[in-house]
Amino acid sequence: SQIGLKLLTDSREGGQIKNSLGTGPSGEIYSTDVENRRAEAFVKVGIVYPEKPFKSIGNIVDVAVHELNSNFGLKSFDANQKSFFAQSIYQNTFSATNHQYKIGVTYRYEITEQKYNLESSSLIENVPGIFAEYTYNHHDKLTTIAGVREDYHNEYGWIFTPRFHAKYNFTDNLLIRISAGRSF
């Protein structure tokens, strides 16, 4: 298991100084101010089965809050983002260790509120999903990975994302890779 906490605070100022030549269109000195504050906490808990080291269950939960306040000259942009992510994955092999598979579920929930000058907007994303992946390894010469995932996005509906990767090692210094798939 692993537990973590990340904290960030960052403040930056820039622009012209009072004795600089030239001013903005309104006669004011141009300046920038950017403040970031972020807090993130995560927990990773897993089990590896001692009698079968390729068999495992892993779980991740991640929560984050991010706040941005900024001014660029006469323009301002502020944003707040709150996010939650959870994933559970089961991994095992078929008859031999060169045939591995993974299956799992994910859930992402995010709220983003933005304000540009006087215009405000918000976005809520609610995305549960499932996935499966199969890996074949032939004597460390040929490795293929085929995967699919299905997510449901509250705004875009069902999203199917297949993928396929293959790698063949001719020698230690010469290999070829092929990838195909779809992303979102």
N, C-alpha and C. Protein backbone atom coordinates (compact mmCIF):
# COMPACT_ATOMS: atom_id res chain seq x y z
N SER A 1 0.84 -1.18 0.00
CA SER A 1 0.00 0.00 0.00
C SER A 1 0.88 1.24 0.00
N GLN A 2 0.26 2.32 -0.40
CA GLN A 2 0.96 3.60 -0.45
C GLN A 2 -0.05 4.70 -0.21
N ILE A 3 0.31 5.66 0.60
CA ILE A 3 -0.53 6.82 0.87
C ILE A 3 0.30 8.06 0.61
N GLY A 4 -0.29 9.04 -0.05
CA GLY A 4 0.49 10.25 -0.35
C GLY A 4 -0.34 11.51 -0.24
N LEU A 5 0.36 12.60 0.02
CA LEU A 5 -0.24 13.92 0.10
C LEU A 5 0.70 14.87 -0.62
N LYS A 6 0.15 15.64 -1.55
CA LYS A 6 0.94 16.63 -2.28
C LYS A 6 0.31 18.00 -2.05
N LEU A 7 1.13 18.96 -1.71
CA LEU A 7 0.65 20.33 -1.52
C LEU A 7 1.51 21.26 -2.36
N LEU A 8 0.87 22.24 -3.01
CA LEU A 8 1.59 23.19 -3.84
C LEU A 8 1.02 24.58 -3.61
N THR A 9 1.88 25.52 -3.42
CA THR A 9 1.48 26.92 -3.45
C THR A 9 2.54 27.66 -4.24
N ASP A 10 2.11 28.47 -5.18
CA ASP A 10 3.04 29.15 -6.08
C ASP A 10 2.48 30.53 -6.39
N SER A 11 3.29 31.55 -6.25
CA SER A 11 2.86 32.93 -6.53
C SER A 11 3.93 33.57 -7.41
N ARG A 12 3.49 34.13 -8.53
CA ARG A 12 4.43 34.76 -9.48
C ARG A 12 3.91 36.13 -9.88
N GLU A 13 4.83 37.06 -9.94
CA GLU A 13 4.50 38.42 -10.38
C GLU A 13 5.47 38.81 -11.48
N GLY A 14 4.98 39.60 -12.42
CA GLY A 14 5.83 40.06 -13.50
C GLY A 14 5.23 41.27 -14.17
N GLY A 15 5.92 41.75 -15.19
CA GLY A 15 5.41 42.90 -15.94
C GLY A 15 6.39 44.05 -15.90
N GLN A 16 5.85 45.25 -16.10
CA GLN A 16 6.67 46.45 -16.14
C GLN A 16 6.87 47.02 -14.74
N ILE A 17 7.95 47.77 -14.59
CA ILE A 17 8.13 48.51 -13.34
C ILE A 17 7.69 49.95 -13.57
N LYS A 18 7.52 50.69 -12.51
CA LYS A 18 6.93 52.03 -12.61
C LYS A 18 7.73 52.98 -13.47
N ASN A 19 9.03 52.83 -13.57
CA ASN A 19 9.83 53.74 -14.36
C ASN A 19 9.99 53.29 -15.81
N SER A 20 9.31 52.22 -16.21
CA SER A 20 9.42 51.72 -17.58
C SER A 20 8.82 52.72 -18.56
N LEU A 21 9.38 52.72 -19.75
CA LEU A 21 8.80 53.52 -20.82
C LEU A 21 7.62 52.78 -21.41
N GLY A 22 6.58 53.44 -21.74
CA GLY A 22 5.44 52.84 -22.38
C GLY A 22 4.46 52.26 -21.39
N THR A 23 3.20 52.36 -21.73
CA THR A 23 2.14 51.83 -20.90
C THR A 23 1.14 51.12 -21.78
N GLY A 24 0.16 50.51 -21.17
CA GLY A 24 -0.88 49.82 -21.91
C GLY A 24 -1.82 50.82 -22.57
N PRO A 25 -2.82 50.32 -23.33
CA PRO A 25 -3.75 51.19 -24.04
C PRO A 25 -4.51 52.15 -23.12
N SER A 26 -4.73 51.77 -21.88
CA SER A 26 -5.47 52.63 -20.96
C SER A 26 -4.54 53.53 -20.16
N GLY A 27 -3.23 53.48 -20.47
CA GLY A 27 -2.28 54.31 -19.75
C GLY A 27 -1.73 53.67 -18.50
N GLU A 28 -2.09 52.40 -18.24
CA GLU A 28 -1.61 51.73 -17.05
C GLU A 28 -0.39 50.88 -17.35
N ILE A 29 0.35 50.61 -16.31
CA ILE A 29 1.52 49.74 -16.42
C ILE A 29 1.04 48.29 -16.51
N TYR A 30 1.65 47.52 -17.41
CA TYR A 30 1.27 46.12 -17.61
C TYR A 30 1.88 45.26 -16.52
N SER A 31 1.07 44.42 -15.88
CA SER A 31 1.59 43.52 -14.86
C SER A 31 0.89 42.16 -14.95
N THR A 32 1.56 41.14 -14.41
CA THR A 32 0.96 39.81 -14.34
C THR A 32 1.08 39.30 -12.91
N ASP A 33 0.05 38.63 -12.47
CA ASP A 33 0.03 37.99 -11.16
C ASP A 33 -0.62 36.63 -11.34
N VAL A 34 0.06 35.58 -10.92
CA VAL A 34 -0.48 34.22 -11.02
C VAL A 34 -0.28 33.53 -9.68
N GLU A 35 -1.38 33.06 -9.10
CA GLU A 35 -1.32 32.31 -7.85
C GLU A 35 -1.95 30.94 -8.05
N ASN A 36 -1.21 29.91 -7.69
CA ASN A 36 -1.68 28.52 -7.76
C ASN A 36 -1.67 27.92 -6.37
N ARG A 37 -2.73 27.22 -6.05
CA ARG A 37 -2.79 26.43 -4.82
C ARG A 37 -3.42 25.09 -5.19
N ARG A 38 -2.73 24.01 -4.79
CA ARG A 38 -3.21 22.67 -5.13
C ARG A 38 -2.95 21.74 -3.95
N ALA A 39 -3.93 20.90 -3.67
CA ALA A 39 -3.79 19.84 -2.66
C ALA A 39 -4.29 18.55 -3.29
N GLU A 40 -3.53 17.48 -3.10
CA GLU A 40 -3.90 16.18 -3.65
C GLU A 40 -3.57 15.10 -2.63
N ALA A 41 -4.48 14.17 -2.47
CA ALA A 41 -4.26 13.02 -1.59
C ALA A 41 -4.60 11.76 -2.37
N PHE A 42 -3.79 10.72 -2.17
CA PHE A 42 -4.06 9.47 -2.87
C PHE A 42 -3.76 8.28 -1.96
N VAL A 43 -4.44 7.18 -2.28
CA VAL A 43 -4.24 5.91 -1.59
C VAL A 43 -4.14 4.83 -2.66
N LYS A 44 -3.11 4.00 -2.56
CA LYS A 44 -2.95 2.85 -3.44
C LYS A 44 -2.86 1.62 -2.55
N VAL A 45 -3.75 0.67 -2.78
CA VAL A 45 -3.77 -0.56 -1.99
C VAL A 45 -3.86 -1.73 -2.95
N GLY A 46 -3.00 -2.72 -2.76
CA GLY A 46 -3.02 -3.86 -3.65
C GLY A 46 -2.64 -5.14 -2.94
N ILE A 47 -2.94 -6.23 -3.62
CA ILE A 47 -2.61 -7.56 -3.10
C ILE A 47 -1.93 -8.33 -4.23
N VAL A 48 -0.76 -8.88 -3.96
CA VAL A 48 -0.09 -9.80 -4.88
C VAL A 48 -0.14 -11.17 -4.23
N TYR A 49 -0.64 -12.13 -4.97
CA TYR A 49 -0.79 -13.48 -4.42
C TYR A 49 0.55 -14.20 -4.42
N PRO A 50 1.06 -14.61 -3.24
CA PRO A 50 2.40 -15.22 -3.16
C PRO A 50 2.55 -16.50 -3.99
N GLU A 51 1.50 -17.30 -4.08
CA GLU A 51 1.62 -18.55 -4.84
C GLU A 51 1.57 -18.32 -6.35
N LYS A 52 1.14 -17.15 -6.77
CA LYS A 52 1.06 -16.84 -8.19
C LYS A 52 1.41 -15.36 -8.38
N PRO A 53 2.68 -15.02 -8.55
CA PRO A 53 3.10 -13.61 -8.56
C PRO A 53 2.54 -12.77 -9.70
N PHE A 54 1.99 -13.40 -10.75
CA PHE A 54 1.38 -12.63 -11.83
C PHE A 54 -0.06 -12.25 -11.51
N LYS A 55 -0.60 -12.77 -10.42
CA LYS A 55 -1.99 -12.51 -10.03
C LYS A 55 -2.01 -11.40 -8.98
N SER A 56 -2.81 -10.35 -9.22
CA SER A 56 -2.87 -9.25 -8.27
C SER A 56 -4.16 -8.46 -8.42
N ILE A 57 -4.46 -7.72 -7.37
CA ILE A 57 -5.57 -6.77 -7.36
C ILE A 57 -4.99 -5.44 -6.90
N GLY A 58 -5.31 -4.38 -7.60
CA GLY A 58 -4.83 -3.06 -7.22
C GLY A 58 -5.96 -2.05 -7.22
N ASN A 59 -5.92 -1.15 -6.26
CA ASN A 59 -6.94 -0.10 -6.13
C ASN A 59 -6.26 1.25 -5.92
N ILE A 60 -6.79 2.26 -6.57
CA ILE A 60 -6.27 3.62 -6.44
C ILE A 60 -7.44 4.56 -6.19
N VAL A 61 -7.28 5.46 -5.24
CA VAL A 61 -8.23 6.55 -5.02
C VAL A 61 -7.41 7.83 -4.95
N ASP A 62 -7.82 8.84 -5.70
CA ASP A 62 -7.10 10.11 -5.77
C ASP A 62 -8.11 11.26 -5.70
N VAL A 63 -7.85 12.21 -4.81
CA VAL A 63 -8.70 13.38 -4.65
C VAL A 63 -7.82 14.62 -4.77
N ALA A 64 -8.25 15.61 -5.56
CA ALA A 64 -7.44 16.81 -5.75
C ALA A 64 -8.34 18.05 -5.78
N VAL A 65 -7.76 19.15 -5.28
CA VAL A 65 -8.40 20.47 -5.33
C VAL A 65 -7.34 21.43 -5.84
N HIS A 66 -7.69 22.22 -6.88
CA HIS A 66 -6.74 23.16 -7.48
C HIS A 66 -7.43 24.50 -7.64
N GLU A 67 -6.74 25.56 -7.21
CA GLU A 67 -7.28 26.91 -7.32
C GLU A 67 -6.25 27.78 -8.03
N LEU A 68 -6.68 28.50 -9.05
CA LEU A 68 -5.82 29.40 -9.82
C LEU A 68 -6.46 30.78 -9.83
N ASN A 69 -5.69 31.80 -9.48
CA ASN A 69 -6.12 33.19 -9.59
C ASN A 69 -5.05 33.93 -10.37
N SER A 70 -5.45 34.60 -11.45
CA SER A 70 -4.45 35.25 -12.28
C SER A 70 -4.97 36.53 -12.91
N ASN A 71 -4.04 37.44 -13.14
CA ASN A 71 -4.30 38.69 -13.86
C ASN A 71 -3.18 38.89 -14.85
N PHE A 72 -3.57 39.25 -16.08
CA PHE A 72 -2.63 39.56 -17.14
C PHE A 72 -3.02 40.91 -17.69
N GLY A 73 -2.35 41.95 -17.26
CA GLY A 73 -2.75 43.30 -17.66
C GLY A 73 -4.13 43.58 -17.11
N LEU A 74 -5.06 43.92 -18.00
CA LEU A 74 -6.43 44.22 -17.58
C LEU A 74 -7.34 42.99 -17.59
N LYS A 75 -6.81 41.85 -17.97
CA LYS A 75 -7.59 40.61 -18.05
C LYS A 75 -7.35 39.77 -16.80
N SER A 76 -8.41 39.07 -16.37
CA SER A 76 -8.25 38.17 -15.23
C SER A 76 -8.84 36.81 -15.58
N PHE A 77 -8.23 35.78 -15.02
CA PHE A 77 -8.71 34.42 -15.20
C PHE A 77 -8.55 33.69 -13.87
N ASP A 78 -9.66 33.19 -13.36
CA ASP A 78 -9.66 32.43 -12.12
C ASP A 78 -10.32 31.08 -12.39
N ALA A 79 -9.82 30.05 -11.75
CA ALA A 79 -10.39 28.71 -11.95
C ALA A 79 -10.26 27.90 -10.67
N ASN A 80 -11.26 27.07 -10.43
CA ASN A 80 -11.25 26.12 -9.32
C ASN A 80 -11.61 24.75 -9.89
N GLN A 81 -10.83 23.75 -9.53
CA GLN A 81 -11.10 22.40 -10.01
C GLN A 81 -11.06 21.44 -8.83
N LYS A 82 -12.08 20.61 -8.75
CA LYS A 82 -12.15 19.56 -7.74
C LYS A 82 -12.32 18.25 -8.48
N SER A 83 -11.46 17.27 -8.16
CA SER A 83 -11.55 16.01 -8.90
C SER A 83 -11.42 14.82 -7.97
N PHE A 84 -12.08 13.73 -8.39
CA PHE A 84 -12.05 12.46 -7.69
C PHE A 84 -11.83 11.37 -8.73
N PHE A 85 -10.91 10.44 -8.43
CA PHE A 85 -10.63 9.34 -9.35
C PHE A 85 -10.49 8.06 -8.53
N ALA A 86 -11.10 6.99 -9.01
CA ALA A 86 -10.97 5.67 -8.37
C ALA A 86 -10.79 4.62 -9.47
N GLN A 87 -9.92 3.66 -9.19
CA GLN A 87 -9.69 2.58 -10.15
C GLN A 87 -9.42 1.28 -9.39
N SER A 88 -9.98 0.21 -9.90
CA SER A 88 -9.71 -1.12 -9.37
C SER A 88 -9.35 -2.01 -10.54
N ILE A 89 -8.26 -2.78 -10.40
CA ILE A 89 -7.78 -3.59 -11.50
C ILE A 89 -7.39 -4.99 -10.98
N TYR A 90 -7.78 -5.99 -11.75
CA TYR A 90 -7.44 -7.38 -11.44
C TYR A 90 -6.56 -7.89 -12.57
N GLN A 91 -5.45 -8.53 -12.22
CA GLN A 91 -4.50 -9.04 -13.22
C GLN A 91 -4.21 -10.50 -12.93
N ASN A 92 -4.13 -11.30 -14.00
CA ASN A 92 -3.84 -12.72 -13.84
C ASN A 92 -3.31 -13.26 -15.16
N THR A 93 -2.98 -14.56 -15.16
CA THR A 93 -2.53 -15.21 -16.38
C THR A 93 -3.50 -16.33 -16.74
N PHE A 94 -3.46 -16.70 -18.02
CA PHE A 94 -4.20 -17.88 -18.45
C PHE A 94 -3.32 -19.09 -18.14
N SER A 95 -3.31 -20.09 -18.95
CA SER A 95 -2.59 -21.34 -18.67
C SER A 95 -1.09 -21.14 -18.43
N ALA A 96 -0.47 -20.21 -19.10
CA ALA A 96 0.96 -19.97 -18.92
C ALA A 96 1.20 -18.48 -18.66
N THR A 97 2.36 -18.15 -18.14
CA THR A 97 2.63 -16.75 -17.78
C THR A 97 2.82 -15.85 -18.98
N ASN A 98 2.95 -16.41 -20.18
CA ASN A 98 3.08 -15.55 -21.36
C ASN A 98 1.72 -15.09 -21.89
N HIS A 99 0.63 -15.50 -21.27
CA HIS A 99 -0.72 -15.05 -21.61
C HIS A 99 -1.28 -14.33 -20.37
N GLN A 100 -1.25 -13.02 -20.37
CA GLN A 100 -1.73 -12.25 -19.21
C GLN A 100 -2.98 -11.46 -19.60
N TYR A 101 -3.82 -11.20 -18.61
CA TYR A 101 -4.97 -10.35 -18.84
C TYR A 101 -5.21 -9.44 -17.64
N LYS A 102 -5.85 -8.31 -17.91
CA LYS A 102 -6.22 -7.34 -16.88
C LYS A 102 -7.65 -6.92 -17.14
N ILE A 103 -8.42 -6.77 -16.08
CA ILE A 103 -9.77 -6.22 -16.19
C ILE A 103 -9.94 -5.23 -15.04
N GLY A 104 -10.79 -4.24 -15.28
CA GLY A 104 -10.96 -3.27 -14.21
C GLY A 104 -12.08 -2.30 -14.44
N VAL A 105 -12.28 -1.47 -13.43
CA VAL A 105 -13.29 -0.42 -13.47
C VAL A 105 -12.63 0.90 -13.05
N THR A 106 -13.15 1.99 -13.60
CA THR A 106 -12.66 3.32 -13.23
C THR A 106 -13.85 4.24 -13.01
N TYR A 107 -13.61 5.30 -12.26
CA TYR A 107 -14.62 6.33 -12.08
C TYR A 107 -13.91 7.66 -11.89
N ARG A 108 -14.31 8.65 -12.68
CA ARG A 108 -13.75 10.00 -12.58
C ARG A 108 -14.90 11.00 -12.45
N TYR A 109 -14.76 11.90 -11.46
CA TYR A 109 -15.73 12.98 -11.27
C TYR A 109 -14.95 14.26 -11.11
N GLU A 110 -15.31 15.27 -11.90
CA GLU A 110 -14.57 16.51 -11.89
C GLU A 110 -15.52 17.70 -12.01
N ILE A 111 -15.28 18.72 -11.20
CA ILE A 111 -16.02 19.98 -11.30
C ILE A 111 -14.99 21.08 -11.55
N THR A 112 -15.16 21.81 -12.65
CA THR A 112 -14.29 22.93 -12.97
C THR A 112 -15.13 24.19 -13.10
N GLU A 113 -14.78 25.21 -12.32
CA GLU A 113 -15.45 26.51 -12.40
C GLU A 113 -14.42 27.53 -12.85
N GLN A 114 -14.77 28.31 -13.88
CA GLN A 114 -13.84 29.29 -14.45
C GLN A 114 -14.49 30.66 -14.51
N LYS A 115 -13.66 31.67 -14.41
CA LYS A 115 -14.15 33.04 -14.55
C LYS A 115 -13.11 33.81 -15.35
N TYR A 116 -13.48 34.25 -16.55
CA TYR A 116 -12.62 35.07 -17.39
C TYR A 116 -13.22 36.46 -17.41
N ASN A 117 -12.50 37.43 -16.86
CA ASN A 117 -13.03 38.77 -16.64
C ASN A 117 -14.35 38.65 -15.89
N LEU A 118 -15.47 38.97 -16.50
CA LEU A 118 -16.74 38.90 -15.80
C LEU A 118 -17.59 37.70 -16.22
N GLU A 119 -17.08 36.89 -17.17
CA GLU A 119 -17.85 35.75 -17.67
C GLU A 119 -17.47 34.48 -16.90
N SER A 120 -18.48 33.83 -16.36
CA SER A 120 -18.27 32.60 -15.59
C SER A 120 -18.80 31.39 -16.35
N SER A 121 -18.15 30.27 -16.16
CA SER A 121 -18.63 29.02 -16.74
C SER A 121 -18.23 27.89 -15.80
N SER A 122 -18.94 26.78 -15.94
CA SER A 122 -18.59 25.61 -15.14
C SER A 122 -18.77 24.35 -15.99
N LEU A 123 -18.04 23.33 -15.62
CA LEU A 123 -18.07 22.06 -16.33
C LEU A 123 -18.06 20.94 -15.30
N ILE A 124 -18.97 20.01 -15.45
CA ILE A 124 -19.01 18.84 -14.58
C ILE A 124 -18.82 17.61 -15.45
N GLU A 125 -17.84 16.78 -15.10
CA GLU A 125 -17.60 15.53 -15.81
C GLU A 125 -17.79 14.37 -14.85
N ASN A 126 -18.60 13.42 -15.28
CA ASN A 126 -18.94 12.24 -14.50
C ASN A 126 -18.72 11.05 -15.43
N VAL A 127 -17.63 10.28 -15.21
CA VAL A 127 -17.23 9.27 -16.20
C VAL A 127 -16.92 7.93 -15.53
N PRO A 128 -17.89 7.01 -15.46
CA PRO A 128 -17.58 5.64 -15.06
C PRO A 128 -17.11 4.85 -16.28
N GLY A 129 -16.26 3.84 -16.05
CA GLY A 129 -15.78 3.05 -17.19
C GLY A 129 -15.31 1.67 -16.77
N ILE A 130 -15.17 0.81 -17.78
CA ILE A 130 -14.63 -0.53 -17.59
C ILE A 130 -13.57 -0.77 -18.67
N PHE A 131 -12.64 -1.68 -18.40
CA PHE A 131 -11.61 -1.95 -19.39
C PHE A 131 -11.12 -3.39 -19.26
N ALA A 132 -10.51 -3.88 -20.35
CA ALA A 132 -9.90 -5.21 -20.38
C ALA A 132 -8.70 -5.15 -21.32
N GLU A 133 -7.69 -5.97 -20.99
CA GLU A 133 -6.46 -5.98 -21.78
C GLU A 133 -5.87 -7.39 -21.78
N TYR A 134 -5.37 -7.79 -22.93
CA TYR A 134 -4.72 -9.09 -23.06
C TYR A 134 -3.30 -8.86 -23.59
N THR A 135 -2.32 -9.52 -22.97
CA THR A 135 -0.91 -9.40 -23.39
C THR A 135 -0.37 -10.79 -23.69
N TYR A 136 0.27 -10.91 -24.85
CA TYR A 136 0.93 -12.16 -25.23
C TYR A 136 2.42 -11.87 -25.39
N ASN A 137 3.26 -12.68 -24.78
CA ASN A 137 4.71 -12.52 -24.86
C ASN A 137 5.31 -13.85 -25.32
N HIS A 138 6.00 -13.80 -26.45
CA HIS A 138 6.63 -15.02 -27.00
C HIS A 138 8.15 -14.90 -26.88
N HIS A 139 8.72 -15.51 -25.84
CA HIS A 139 10.17 -15.59 -25.62
C HIS A 139 10.86 -14.22 -25.66
N ASP A 140 10.19 -13.20 -25.20
CA ASP A 140 10.72 -11.83 -25.20
C ASP A 140 11.12 -11.34 -26.59
N LYS A 141 10.65 -12.01 -27.63
CA LYS A 141 10.89 -11.57 -29.01
C LYS A 141 9.68 -10.80 -29.53
N LEU A 142 8.50 -11.37 -29.32
CA LEU A 142 7.25 -10.77 -29.80
C LEU A 142 6.35 -10.50 -28.60
N THR A 143 5.88 -9.27 -28.51
CA THR A 143 4.91 -8.90 -27.48
C THR A 143 3.75 -8.19 -28.16
N THR A 144 2.53 -8.66 -27.88
CA THR A 144 1.34 -7.99 -28.40
C THR A 144 0.41 -7.66 -27.23
N ILE A 145 -0.24 -6.52 -27.35
CA ILE A 145 -1.20 -6.07 -26.34
C ILE A 145 -2.46 -5.62 -27.07
N ALA A 146 -3.59 -6.19 -26.68
CA ALA A 146 -4.89 -5.78 -27.24
C ALA A 146 -5.76 -5.34 -26.06
N GLY A 147 -6.36 -4.18 -26.19
CA GLY A 147 -7.17 -3.67 -25.09
C GLY A 147 -8.41 -2.96 -25.58
N VAL A 148 -9.43 -2.94 -24.73
CA VAL A 148 -10.66 -2.20 -25.00
C VAL A 148 -11.10 -1.52 -23.71
N ARG A 149 -11.74 -0.39 -23.87
CA ARG A 149 -12.37 0.25 -22.72
C ARG A 149 -13.66 0.89 -23.18
N GLU A 150 -14.60 0.94 -22.27
CA GLU A 150 -15.91 1.54 -22.52
C GLU A 150 -16.19 2.49 -21.36
N ASP A 151 -16.40 3.75 -21.70
CA ASP A 151 -16.70 4.77 -20.70
C ASP A 151 -18.04 5.40 -21.03
N TYR A 152 -18.67 5.92 -20.01
CA TYR A 152 -19.88 6.71 -20.24
C TYR A 152 -19.64 8.11 -19.70
N HIS A 153 -19.56 9.08 -20.61
CA HIS A 153 -19.34 10.48 -20.25
C HIS A 153 -20.70 11.17 -20.16
N ASN A 154 -20.93 11.91 -19.08
CA ASN A 154 -22.23 12.55 -18.88
C ASN A 154 -22.62 13.50 -20.01
N GLU A 155 -21.67 14.03 -20.76
CA GLU A 155 -21.99 14.95 -21.87
C GLU A 155 -21.87 14.30 -23.24
N TYR A 156 -20.89 13.40 -23.43
CA TYR A 156 -20.62 12.83 -24.74
C TYR A 156 -21.19 11.43 -24.93
N GLY A 157 -21.75 10.84 -23.89
CA GLY A 157 -22.36 9.52 -24.01
C GLY A 157 -21.32 8.41 -23.95
N TRP A 158 -21.64 7.28 -24.63
CA TRP A 158 -20.77 6.10 -24.61
C TRP A 158 -19.54 6.35 -25.47
N ILE A 159 -18.38 5.97 -24.94
CA ILE A 159 -17.11 6.15 -25.65
C ILE A 159 -16.36 4.82 -25.63
N PHE A 160 -16.17 4.24 -26.81
CA PHE A 160 -15.46 2.97 -26.95
C PHE A 160 -14.06 3.26 -27.47
N THR A 161 -13.03 2.78 -26.78
CA THR A 161 -11.66 3.05 -27.19
C THR A 161 -10.86 1.74 -27.24
N PRO A 162 -10.71 1.18 -28.45
CA PRO A 162 -9.87 -0.01 -28.60
C PRO A 162 -8.41 0.40 -28.85
N ARG A 163 -7.51 -0.53 -28.59
CA ARG A 163 -6.10 -0.29 -28.90
C ARG A 163 -5.39 -1.61 -29.15
N PHE A 164 -4.31 -1.53 -29.94
CA PHE A 164 -3.49 -2.70 -30.22
C PHE A 164 -2.04 -2.24 -30.37
N HIS A 165 -1.13 -2.94 -29.71
CA HIS A 165 0.30 -2.66 -29.82
C HIS A 165 1.02 -3.97 -30.07
N ALA A 166 2.05 -3.91 -30.90
CA ALA A 166 2.89 -5.08 -31.14
C ALA A 166 4.34 -4.62 -31.23
N LYS A 167 5.22 -5.46 -30.70
CA LYS A 167 6.66 -5.17 -30.75
C LYS A 167 7.39 -6.47 -31.05
N TYR A 168 8.31 -6.38 -32.02
CA TYR A 168 9.13 -7.54 -32.33
C TYR A 168 10.59 -7.13 -32.23
N ASN A 169 11.36 -7.90 -31.43
CA ASN A 169 12.79 -7.64 -31.25
C ASN A 169 13.58 -8.53 -32.21
N PHE A 170 14.16 -7.93 -33.24
CA PHE A 170 15.01 -8.69 -34.15
C PHE A 170 16.33 -9.02 -33.46
N THR A 171 16.91 -8.00 -32.81
CA THR A 171 18.14 -8.15 -32.02
C THR A 171 17.98 -7.27 -30.78
N ASP A 172 19.01 -7.19 -29.96
CA ASP A 172 18.96 -6.31 -28.79
C ASP A 172 18.89 -4.83 -29.18
N ASN A 173 19.38 -4.50 -30.38
CA ASN A 173 19.43 -3.11 -30.82
C ASN A 173 18.49 -2.79 -31.97
N LEU A 174 17.72 -3.76 -32.45
CA LEU A 174 16.82 -3.53 -33.59
C LEU A 174 15.46 -4.14 -33.28
N LEU A 175 14.44 -3.28 -33.32
CA LEU A 175 13.08 -3.74 -33.07
C LEU A 175 12.11 -2.94 -33.92
N ILE A 176 10.91 -3.47 -34.04
CA ILE A 176 9.84 -2.76 -34.78
C ILE A 176 8.61 -2.72 -33.87
N ARG A 177 7.91 -1.60 -33.92
CA ARG A 177 6.69 -1.43 -33.13
C ARG A 177 5.54 -1.02 -34.04
N ILE A 178 4.36 -1.51 -33.73
CA ILE A 178 3.14 -1.14 -34.45
C ILE A 178 2.10 -0.81 -33.41
N SER A 179 1.40 0.30 -33.60
CA SER A 179 0.34 0.70 -32.68
C SER A 179 -0.87 1.17 -33.48
N ALA A 180 -2.04 0.83 -32.98
CA ALA A 180 -3.27 1.28 -33.59
C ALA A 180 -4.30 1.43 -32.48
N GLY A 181 -5.22 2.33 -32.66
CA GLY A 181 -6.24 2.49 -31.65
C GLY A 181 -6.95 3.82 -31.77
N ARG A 182 -7.71 4.10 -30.76
CA ARG A 182 -8.51 5.30 -30.70
C ARG A 182 -8.35 5.87 -29.30
N SER A 183 -8.38 7.19 -29.18
CA SER A 183 -8.28 7.79 -27.84
C SER A 183 -9.35 8.86 -27.69
N PHE A 184 -9.57 9.26 -26.48
CA PHE A 184 -10.55 10.30 -26.19
C PHE A 184 -9.98 11.19 -25.12
